[in-house]
Amino acid sequence: MAYSHNNSKGTTYYLHSNGKMFYFSKEIKEGALDAVPAGYHVVEMKTGMLVLKRDDKPTEASGEH
């Protein structure tokens, strides 16, 4: 089953991958993914468009020994 996400406007989008590129579509097509890839999370833009963003990498505390 393809991963789906509803935006604030109530539209359902499905997550797809074309190699290293991720995108959302209103229809399930070839390349649909079952889950959000590890290290990513879904963000909604002001327009309602969904995008994947990389998770922030934890920063190492500097100067603490």
PDB file of N, CA and C in Angstrom:
ATOM      1  N   MET A   1       0.848  -1.184   0.000  1.00  0.00           N
ATOM      2  CA  MET A   1       0.000   0.000   0.000  1.00  0.00           C
ATOM      3  C   MET A   1       0.885   1.236   0.000  1.00  0.00           C
ATOM      4  N   ALA A   2       0.621   2.155  -0.885  1.00  0.00           N
ATOM      5  CA  ALA A   2       1.419   3.375  -1.011  1.00  0.00           C
ATOM      6  C   ALA A   2       1.193   4.293   0.184  1.00  0.00           C
ATOM      7  N   TYR A   3       2.264   4.973   0.613  1.00  0.00           N
ATOM      8  CA  TYR A   3       2.171   5.933   1.718  1.00  0.00           C
ATOM      9  C   TYR A   3       1.331   7.119   1.259  1.00  0.00           C
ATOM     10  N   SER A   4       0.335   7.475   2.054  1.00  0.00           N
ATOM     11  CA  SER A   4      -0.521   8.616   1.715  1.00  0.00           C
ATOM     12  C   SER A   4      -0.465   9.651   2.824  1.00  0.00           C
ATOM     13  N   HIS A   5      -0.695  10.904   2.451  1.00  0.00           N
ATOM     14  CA  HIS A   5      -0.683  12.012   3.405  1.00  0.00           C
ATOM     15  C   HIS A   5      -1.725  13.019   2.937  1.00  0.00           C
ATOM     16  N   ASN A   6      -2.557  13.498   3.867  1.00  0.00           N
ATOM     17  CA  ASN A   6      -3.556  14.519   3.547  1.00  0.00           C
ATOM     18  C   ASN A   6      -3.002  15.883   3.906  1.00  0.00           C
ATOM     19  N   ASN A   7      -3.119  16.849   2.978  1.00  0.00           N
ATOM     20  CA  ASN A   7      -2.665  18.192   3.288  1.00  0.00           C
ATOM     21  C   ASN A   7      -3.781  18.951   4.014  1.00  0.00           C
ATOM     22  N   SER A   8      -3.528  20.201   4.362  1.00  0.00           N
ATOM     23  CA  SER A   8      -4.500  20.988   5.133  1.00  0.00           C
ATOM     24  C   SER A   8      -5.765  21.284   4.344  1.00  0.00           C
ATOM     25  N   LYS A   9      -5.723  21.144   3.028  1.00  0.00           N
ATOM     26  CA  LYS A   9      -6.894  21.375   2.187  1.00  0.00           C
ATOM     27  C   LYS A   9      -7.733  20.113   2.016  1.00  0.00           C
ATOM     28  N   GLY A  10      -7.262  19.002   2.604  1.00  0.00           N
ATOM     29  CA  GLY A  10      -8.001  17.744   2.536  1.00  0.00           C
ATOM     30  C   GLY A  10      -7.684  16.888   1.321  1.00  0.00           C
ATOM     31  N   THR A  11      -6.695  17.259   0.548  1.00  0.00           N
ATOM     32  CA  THR A  11      -6.307  16.492  -0.633  1.00  0.00           C
ATOM     33  C   THR A  11      -5.324  15.400  -0.234  1.00  0.00           C
ATOM     34  N   THR A  12      -5.554  14.186  -0.718  1.00  0.00           N
ATOM     35  CA  THR A  12      -4.673  13.059  -0.427  1.00  0.00           C
ATOM     36  C   THR A  12      -3.609  12.952  -1.507  1.00  0.00           C
ATOM     37  N   TYR A  13      -2.356  12.840  -1.064  1.00  0.00           N
ATOM     38  CA  TYR A  13      -1.223  12.670  -1.966  1.00  0.00           C
ATOM     39  C   TYR A  13      -0.485  11.394  -1.608  1.00  0.00           C
ATOM     40  N   TYR A  14       0.137  10.771  -2.610  1.00  0.00           N
ATOM     41  CA  TYR A  14       0.869   9.524  -2.434  1.00  0.00           C
ATOM     42  C   TYR A  14       2.342   9.762  -2.734  1.00  0.00           C
ATOM     43  N   LEU A  15       3.199   9.181  -1.907  1.00  0.00           N
ATOM     44  CA  LEU A  15       4.639   9.371  -2.030  1.00  0.00           C
ATOM     45  C   LEU A  15       5.231   8.420  -3.069  1.00  0.00           C
ATOM     46  N   HIS A  16       6.087   8.972  -3.936  1.00  0.00           N
ATOM     47  CA  HIS A  16       6.753   8.213  -4.996  1.00  0.00           C
ATOM     48  C   HIS A  16       8.239   8.518  -5.005  1.00  0.00           C
ATOM     49  N   SER A  17       8.987   7.646  -5.659  1.00  0.00           N
ATOM     50  CA  SER A  17      10.416   7.857  -5.829  1.00  0.00           C
ATOM     51  C   SER A  17      10.808   7.526  -7.253  1.00  0.00           C
ATOM     52  N   ASN A  18      11.707   8.346  -7.781  1.00  0.00           N
ATOM     53  CA  ASN A  18      12.269   8.116  -9.100  1.00  0.00           C
ATOM     54  C   ASN A  18      13.780   8.164  -8.925  1.00  0.00           C
ATOM     55  N   GLY A  19      14.346   7.097  -8.421  1.00  0.00           N
ATOM     56  CA  GLY A  19      15.764   7.090  -8.069  1.00  0.00           C
ATOM     57  C   GLY A  19      15.957   7.801  -6.738  1.00  0.00           C
ATOM     58  N   LYS A  20      16.722   8.877  -6.740  1.00  0.00           N
ATOM     59  CA  LYS A  20      16.971   9.645  -5.515  1.00  0.00           C
ATOM     60  C   LYS A  20      15.954  10.762  -5.305  1.00  0.00           C
ATOM     61  N   MET A  21      15.112  11.030  -6.296  1.00  0.00           N
ATOM     62  CA  MET A  21      14.130  12.104  -6.201  1.00  0.00           C
ATOM     63  C   MET A  21      12.815  11.574  -5.619  1.00  0.00           C
ATOM     64  N   PHE A  22      12.270  12.287  -4.644  1.00  0.00           N
ATOM     65  CA  PHE A  22      10.988  11.926  -4.042  1.00  0.00           C
ATOM     66  C   PHE A  22       9.958  12.967  -4.445  1.00  0.00           C
ATOM     67  N   TYR A  23       8.721  12.521  -4.680  1.00  0.00           N
ATOM     68  CA  TYR A  23       7.659  13.461  -5.022  1.00  0.00           C
ATOM     69  C   TYR A  23       6.310  12.899  -4.601  1.00  0.00           C
ATOM     70  N   PHE A  24       5.321  13.799  -4.469  1.00  0.00           N
ATOM     71  CA  PHE A  24       3.963  13.411  -4.120  1.00  0.00           C
ATOM     72  C   PHE A  24       3.065  13.592  -5.332  1.00  0.00           C
ATOM     73  N   SER A  25       2.123  12.670  -5.494  1.00  0.00           N
ATOM     74  CA  SER A  25       1.179  12.704  -6.602  1.00  0.00           C
ATOM     75  C   SER A  25      -0.213  12.398  -6.074  1.00  0.00           C
ATOM     76  N   LYS A  26      -1.241  12.906  -6.759  1.00  0.00           N
ATOM     77  CA  LYS A  26      -2.629  12.636  -6.356  1.00  0.00           C
ATOM     78  C   LYS A  26      -3.051  11.213  -6.722  1.00  0.00           C
ATOM     79  N   GLU A  27      -2.287  10.570  -7.595  1.00  0.00           N
ATOM     80  CA  GLU A  27      -2.607   9.212  -8.028  1.00  0.00           C
ATOM     81  C   GLU A  27      -1.443   8.281  -7.704  1.00  0.00           C
ATOM     82  N   ILE A  28      -1.759   7.006  -7.478  1.00  0.00           N
ATOM     83  CA  ILE A  28      -0.714   6.013  -7.260  1.00  0.00           C
ATOM     84  C   ILE A  28      -0.168   5.604  -8.620  1.00  0.00           C
ATOM     85  N   LYS A  29       1.145   5.796  -8.786  1.00  0.00           N
ATOM     86  CA  LYS A  29       1.803   5.480 -10.052  1.00  0.00           C
ATOM     87  C   LYS A  29       2.959   4.525  -9.787  1.00  0.00           C
ATOM     88  N   GLU A  30       3.671   4.177 -10.852  1.00  0.00           N
ATOM     89  CA  GLU A  30       4.869   3.352 -10.715  1.00  0.00           C
ATOM     90  C   GLU A  30       5.881   4.107  -9.850  1.00  0.00           C
ATOM     91  N   GLY A  31       6.510   3.404  -8.943  1.00  0.00           N
ATOM     92  CA  GLY A  31       7.491   4.024  -8.062  1.00  0.00           C
ATOM     93  C   GLY A  31       6.910   4.465  -6.728  1.00  0.00           C
ATOM     94  N   ALA A  32       5.651   4.079  -6.438  1.00  0.00           N
ATOM     95  CA  ALA A  32       5.030   4.448  -5.162  1.00  0.00           C
ATOM     96  C   ALA A  32       5.775   3.780  -4.007  1.00  0.00           C
ATOM     97  N   LEU A  33       5.957   4.517  -2.906  1.00  0.00           N
ATOM     98  CA  LEU A  33       6.650   4.002  -1.731  1.00  0.00           C
ATOM     99  C   LEU A  33       5.655   3.646  -0.636  1.00  0.00           C
ATOM    100  N   ASP A  34       6.005   2.659   0.172  1.00  0.00           N
ATOM    101  CA  ASP A  34       5.134   2.218   1.261  1.00  0.00           C
ATOM    102  C   ASP A  34       5.301   3.045   2.534  1.00  0.00           C
ATOM    103  N   ALA A  35       6.413   3.774   2.638  1.00  0.00           N
ATOM    104  CA  ALA A  35       6.682   4.547   3.849  1.00  0.00           C
ATOM    105  C   ALA A  35       7.622   5.701   3.526  1.00  0.00           C
ATOM    106  N   VAL A  36       7.673   6.667   4.426  1.00  0.00           N
ATOM    107  CA  VAL A  36       8.624   7.766   4.302  1.00  0.00           C
ATOM    108  C   VAL A  36      10.018   7.185   4.546  1.00  0.00           C
ATOM    109  N   PRO A  37      10.970   7.474   3.689  1.00  0.00           N
ATOM    110  CA  PRO A  37      12.320   6.928   3.868  1.00  0.00           C
ATOM    111  C   PRO A  37      12.941   7.378   5.196  1.00  0.00           C
ATOM    112  N   ALA A  38      13.785   6.540   5.752  1.00  0.00           N
ATOM    113  CA  ALA A  38      14.479   6.872   6.999  1.00  0.00           C
ATOM    114  C   ALA A  38      15.284   8.152   6.800  1.00  0.00           C
ATOM    115  N   GLY A  39      15.232   9.026   7.787  1.00  0.00           N
ATOM    116  CA  GLY A  39      15.980  10.271   7.718  1.00  0.00           C
ATOM    117  C   GLY A  39      15.219  11.416   7.069  1.00  0.00           C
ATOM    118  N   TYR A  40      13.945  11.213   6.728  1.00  0.00           N
ATOM    119  CA  TYR A  40      13.119  12.241   6.099  1.00  0.00           C
ATOM    120  C   TYR A  40      11.810  12.416   6.861  1.00  0.00           C
ATOM    121  N   HIS A  41      11.165  13.565   6.672  1.00  0.00           N
ATOM    122  CA  HIS A  41       9.824  13.789   7.209  1.00  0.00           C
ATOM    123  C   HIS A  41       9.041  14.664   6.222  1.00  0.00           C
ATOM    124  N   VAL A  42       7.720  14.620   6.309  1.00  0.00           N
ATOM    125  CA  VAL A  42       6.842  15.338   5.386  1.00  0.00           C
ATOM    126  C   VAL A  42       6.603  16.751   5.922  1.00  0.00           C
ATOM    127  N   VAL A  43       6.706  17.734   5.018  1.00  0.00           N
ATOM    128  CA  VAL A  43       6.441  19.126   5.353  1.00  0.00           C
ATOM    129  C   VAL A  43       5.461  19.670   4.324  1.00  0.00           C
ATOM    130  N   GLU A  44       4.497  20.462   4.791  1.00  0.00           N
ATOM    131  CA  GLU A  44       3.544  21.098   3.883  1.00  0.00           C
ATOM    132  C   GLU A  44       3.951  22.548   3.656  1.00  0.00           C
ATOM    133  N   MET A  45       4.044  22.943   2.396  1.00  0.00           N
ATOM    134  CA  MET A  45       4.376  24.320   2.046  1.00  0.00           C
ATOM    135  C   MET A  45       3.118  25.181   2.200  1.00  0.00           C
ATOM    136  N   LYS A  46       3.265  26.500   2.136  1.00  0.00           N
ATOM    137  CA  LYS A  46       2.127  27.420   2.281  1.00  0.00           C
ATOM    138  C   LYS A  46       1.033  27.163   1.251  1.00  0.00           C
ATOM    139  N   THR A  47       1.414  26.670   0.086  1.00  0.00           N
ATOM    140  CA  THR A  47       0.466  26.417  -1.002  1.00  0.00           C
ATOM    141  C   THR A  47      -0.299  25.106  -0.833  1.00  0.00           C
ATOM    142  N   GLY A  48       0.089  24.295   0.162  1.00  0.00           N
ATOM    143  CA  GLY A  48      -0.540  22.991   0.349  1.00  0.00           C
ATOM    144  C   GLY A  48       0.254  21.866  -0.280  1.00  0.00           C
ATOM    145  N   MET A  49       1.324  22.208  -1.029  1.00  0.00           N
ATOM    146  CA  MET A  49       2.158  21.192  -1.653  1.00  0.00           C
ATOM    147  C   MET A  49       2.982  20.473  -0.582  1.00  0.00           C
ATOM    148  N   LEU A  50       3.090  19.168  -0.716  1.00  0.00           N
ATOM    149  CA  LEU A  50       3.855  18.368   0.234  1.00  0.00           C
ATOM    150  C   LEU A  50       5.244  18.097  -0.310  1.00  0.00           C
ATOM    151  N   VAL A  51       6.235  18.164   0.580  1.00  0.00           N
ATOM    152  CA  VAL A  51       7.621  17.857   0.204  1.00  0.00           C
ATOM    153  C   VAL A  51       8.249  17.039   1.319  1.00  0.00           C
ATOM    154  N   LEU A  52       9.311  16.312   0.964  1.00  0.00           N
ATOM    155  CA  LEU A  52      10.092  15.604   1.973  1.00  0.00           C
ATOM    156  C   LEU A  52      11.290  16.457   2.338  1.00  0.00           C
ATOM    157  N   LYS A  53      11.561  16.549   3.613  1.00  0.00           N
ATOM    158  CA  LYS A  53      12.740  17.267   4.103  1.00  0.00           C
ATOM    159  C   LYS A  53      13.593  16.274   4.870  1.00  0.00           C
ATOM    160  N   ARG A  54      14.902  16.462   4.788  1.00  0.00           N
ATOM    161  CA  ARG A  54      15.805  15.622   5.567  1.00  0.00           C
ATOM    162  C   ARG A  54      15.699  16.004   7.037  1.00  0.00           C
ATOM    163  N   ASP A  55      15.772  14.997   7.900  1.00  0.00           N
ATOM    164  CA  ASP A  55      15.800  15.257   9.329  1.00  0.00           C
ATOM    165  C   ASP A  55      17.090  15.983   9.661  1.00  0.00           C
ATOM    166  N   ASP A  56      17.022  16.864  10.653  1.00  0.00           N
ATOM    167  CA  ASP A  56      18.231  17.553  11.096  1.00  0.00           C
ATOM    168  C   ASP A  56      19.177  16.551  11.716  1.00  0.00           C
ATOM    169  N   LYS A  57      20.437  16.654  11.350  1.00  0.00           N
ATOM    170  CA  LYS A  57      21.442  15.788  11.955  1.00  0.00           C
ATOM    171  C   LYS A  57      21.754  16.320  13.340  1.00  0.00           C
ATOM    172  N   PRO A  58      21.879  15.445  14.319  1.00  0.00           N
ATOM    173  CA  PRO A  58      22.220  15.920  15.661  1.00  0.00           C
ATOM    174  C   PRO A  58      23.608  16.554  15.646  1.00  0.00           C
ATOM    175  N   THR A  59      23.718  17.709  16.272  1.00  0.00           N
ATOM    176  CA  THR A  59      25.007  18.386  16.312  1.00  0.00           C
ATOM    177  C   THR A  59      25.781  17.924  17.543  1.00  0.00           C
ATOM    178  N   GLU A  60      27.068  17.765  17.358  1.00  0.00           N
ATOM    179  CA  GLU A  60      27.909  17.343  18.472  1.00  0.00           C
ATOM    180  C   GLU A  60      28.201  18.559  19.346  1.00  0.00           C
ATOM    181  N   ALA A  61      28.146  18.367  20.643  1.00  0.00           N
ATOM    182  CA  ALA A  61      28.445  19.459  21.564  1.00  0.00           C
ATOM    183  C   ALA A  61      29.917  19.799  21.445  1.00  0.00           C
ATOM    184  N   SER A  62      30.195  21.041  21.143  1.00  0.00           N
ATOM    185  CA  SER A  62      31.598  21.434  20.973  1.00  0.00           C
ATOM    186  C   SER A  62      32.157  21.983  22.284  1.00  0.00           C
ATOM    187  N   GLY A  63      33.381  21.629  22.560  1.00  0.00           N
ATOM    188  CA  GLY A  63      34.059  22.140  23.752  1.00  0.00           C
ATOM    189  C   GLY A  63      33.726  21.421  25.033  1.00  0.00           C
ATOM    190  N   GLU A  64      32.927  20.376  24.966  1.00  0.00           N
ATOM    191  CA  GLU A  64      32.592  19.626  26.187  1.00  0.00           C
ATOM    192  C   GLU A  64      33.411  18.348  26.224  1.00  0.00           C
ATOM    193  N   HIS A  65      34.348  18.280  27.154  1.00  0.00           N
ATOM    194  CA  HIS A  65      35.193  17.090  27.295  1.00  0.00           C
ATOM    195  C   HIS A  65      35.119  16.582  28.675  1.00  0.00           C
TER     196      HIS A  65
END
